Amino acid sequence: LILEVKNKLEREYPMLPLGSYGRDDDEMILWFLKDRKFHIEETISKLTKAI
């Protein structure tokens, strides 16, 4: 699931920063996935607002 979110963020939001607390931060993506009950679209929506 983390890889799927990362790929989607890379394709749809390439302007988001990379690195710690960026669109490729595995730990942050996992935290948002858990927070959104592993719903990918909701996770991406929240991540793009947070980043």
N, C-alpha and C. Protein backbone atom coordinates (compact mmCIF):
# COMPACT_ATOMS: atom_id res chain seq x y z
N LEU A 1 0.81 -1.20 0.00
CA LEU A 1 0.00 0.00 0.00
C LEU A 1 0.85 1.26 0.00
N ILE A 2 1.96 1.24 0.75
CA ILE A 2 2.84 2.40 0.79
C ILE A 2 3.37 2.71 -0.60
N LEU A 3 3.79 1.69 -1.30
CA LEU A 3 4.32 1.87 -2.65
C LEU A 3 3.26 2.43 -3.59
N GLU A 4 2.04 1.96 -3.45
CA GLU A 4 0.95 2.46 -4.28
C GLU A 4 0.70 3.95 -4.04
N VAL A 5 0.72 4.35 -2.77
CA VAL A 5 0.54 5.77 -2.43
C VAL A 5 1.70 6.59 -2.98
N LYS A 6 2.93 6.09 -2.80
CA LYS A 6 4.10 6.81 -3.30
C LYS A 6 4.04 7.00 -4.81
N ASN A 7 3.67 5.96 -5.53
CA ASN A 7 3.58 6.05 -6.99
C ASN A 7 2.51 7.04 -7.41
N LYS A 8 1.38 7.00 -6.74
CA LYS A 8 0.29 7.91 -7.09
C LYS A 8 0.67 9.37 -6.78
N LEU A 9 1.33 9.59 -5.66
CA LEU A 9 1.79 10.93 -5.33
C LEU A 9 2.81 11.43 -6.35
N GLU A 10 3.70 10.54 -6.77
CA GLU A 10 4.72 10.91 -7.76
C GLU A 10 4.07 11.30 -9.09
N ARG A 11 3.07 10.53 -9.51
CA ARG A 11 2.39 10.80 -10.78
C ARG A 11 1.51 12.05 -10.72
N GLU A 12 0.73 12.17 -9.66
CA GLU A 12 -0.29 13.22 -9.60
C GLU A 12 0.17 14.51 -8.92
N TYR A 13 1.20 14.42 -8.08
CA TYR A 13 1.67 15.59 -7.34
C TYR A 13 3.20 15.66 -7.37
N PRO A 14 3.80 15.77 -8.56
CA PRO A 14 5.27 15.78 -8.65
C PRO A 14 5.91 17.01 -8.00
N MET A 15 5.12 18.07 -7.76
CA MET A 15 5.66 19.29 -7.17
C MET A 15 5.86 19.18 -5.66
N LEU A 16 5.31 18.16 -5.03
CA LEU A 16 5.49 17.99 -3.59
C LEU A 16 6.94 17.64 -3.29
N PRO A 17 7.48 18.14 -2.18
CA PRO A 17 8.88 17.89 -1.85
C PRO A 17 9.16 16.42 -1.52
N LEU A 18 10.42 16.05 -1.67
CA LEU A 18 10.89 14.71 -1.33
C LEU A 18 11.60 14.75 0.01
N GLY A 19 11.97 13.58 0.51
CA GLY A 19 12.76 13.51 1.73
C GLY A 19 11.90 13.37 2.97
N SER A 20 12.52 13.71 4.10
CA SER A 20 11.83 13.62 5.38
C SER A 20 10.59 14.50 5.36
N TYR A 21 9.45 13.92 5.69
CA TYR A 21 8.14 14.58 5.67
C TYR A 21 7.73 15.00 4.26
N GLY A 22 8.28 14.33 3.26
CA GLY A 22 7.93 14.59 1.87
C GLY A 22 7.10 13.45 1.31
N ARG A 23 6.87 13.48 0.01
CA ARG A 23 5.99 12.49 -0.62
C ARG A 23 6.60 11.09 -0.70
N ASP A 24 7.86 10.94 -0.31
CA ASP A 24 8.47 9.61 -0.34
C ASP A 24 8.87 9.12 1.05
N ASP A 25 8.32 9.70 2.09
CA ASP A 25 8.61 9.33 3.48
C ASP A 25 7.71 8.16 3.89
N ASP A 26 8.29 6.95 3.91
CA ASP A 26 7.52 5.73 4.20
C ASP A 26 6.79 5.78 5.54
N GLU A 27 7.48 6.25 6.58
CA GLU A 27 6.88 6.27 7.91
C GLU A 27 5.68 7.21 7.96
N MET A 28 5.81 8.37 7.33
CA MET A 28 4.70 9.31 7.33
C MET A 28 3.52 8.77 6.52
N ILE A 29 3.81 8.15 5.38
CA ILE A 29 2.75 7.57 4.56
C ILE A 29 2.02 6.49 5.34
N LEU A 30 2.77 5.63 6.03
CA LEU A 30 2.15 4.57 6.84
C LEU A 30 1.27 5.17 7.94
N TRP A 31 1.75 6.23 8.58
CA TRP A 31 0.96 6.87 9.63
C TRP A 31 -0.36 7.38 9.06
N PHE A 32 -0.30 8.05 7.90
CA PHE A 32 -1.53 8.57 7.28
C PHE A 32 -2.43 7.43 6.82
N LEU A 33 -1.86 6.34 6.33
CA LEU A 33 -2.68 5.18 5.94
C LEU A 33 -3.44 4.63 7.14
N LYS A 34 -2.75 4.49 8.27
CA LYS A 34 -3.41 3.99 9.48
C LYS A 34 -4.49 4.97 9.94
N ASP A 35 -4.18 6.25 9.91
CA ASP A 35 -5.12 7.29 10.33
C ASP A 35 -6.38 7.29 9.46
N ARG A 36 -6.23 7.01 8.19
CA ARG A 36 -7.34 7.00 7.24
C ARG A 36 -7.88 5.59 7.02
N LYS A 37 -7.57 4.67 7.93
CA LYS A 37 -8.05 3.28 7.88
C LYS A 37 -7.70 2.60 6.55
N PHE A 38 -6.48 2.88 6.07
CA PHE A 38 -5.91 2.26 4.87
C PHE A 38 -6.71 2.55 3.60
N HIS A 39 -7.42 3.67 3.57
CA HIS A 39 -8.13 4.11 2.37
C HIS A 39 -7.17 5.01 1.58
N ILE A 40 -6.76 4.56 0.41
CA ILE A 40 -5.70 5.23 -0.35
C ILE A 40 -6.07 6.64 -0.77
N GLU A 41 -7.25 6.84 -1.31
CA GLU A 41 -7.64 8.17 -1.80
C GLU A 41 -7.71 9.18 -0.65
N GLU A 42 -8.25 8.78 0.49
CA GLU A 42 -8.31 9.68 1.65
C GLU A 42 -6.91 9.98 2.16
N THR A 43 -6.05 8.98 2.14
CA THR A 43 -4.67 9.17 2.58
C THR A 43 -3.97 10.19 1.70
N ILE A 44 -4.11 10.06 0.40
CA ILE A 44 -3.47 10.98 -0.53
C ILE A 44 -4.01 12.39 -0.34
N SER A 45 -5.30 12.51 -0.15
CA SER A 45 -5.90 13.82 0.07
C SER A 45 -5.31 14.50 1.31
N LYS A 46 -5.23 13.77 2.41
CA LYS A 46 -4.69 14.33 3.65
C LYS A 46 -3.20 14.62 3.52
N LEU A 47 -2.46 13.74 2.87
CA LEU A 47 -1.02 13.94 2.70
C LEU A 47 -0.72 15.20 1.88
N THR A 48 -1.44 15.40 0.81
CA THR A 48 -1.17 16.56 -0.04
C THR A 48 -1.45 17.87 0.71
N LYS A 49 -2.39 17.85 1.61
CA LYS A 49 -2.67 19.04 2.42
C LYS A 49 -1.60 19.23 3.50
N ALA A 50 -1.12 18.13 4.07
CA ALA A 50 -0.14 18.20 5.15
C ALA A 50 1.26 18.56 4.65
N ILE A 51 1.60 18.08 3.47
CA ILE A 51 2.94 18.34 2.93
C ILE A 51 2.96 19.73 2.36
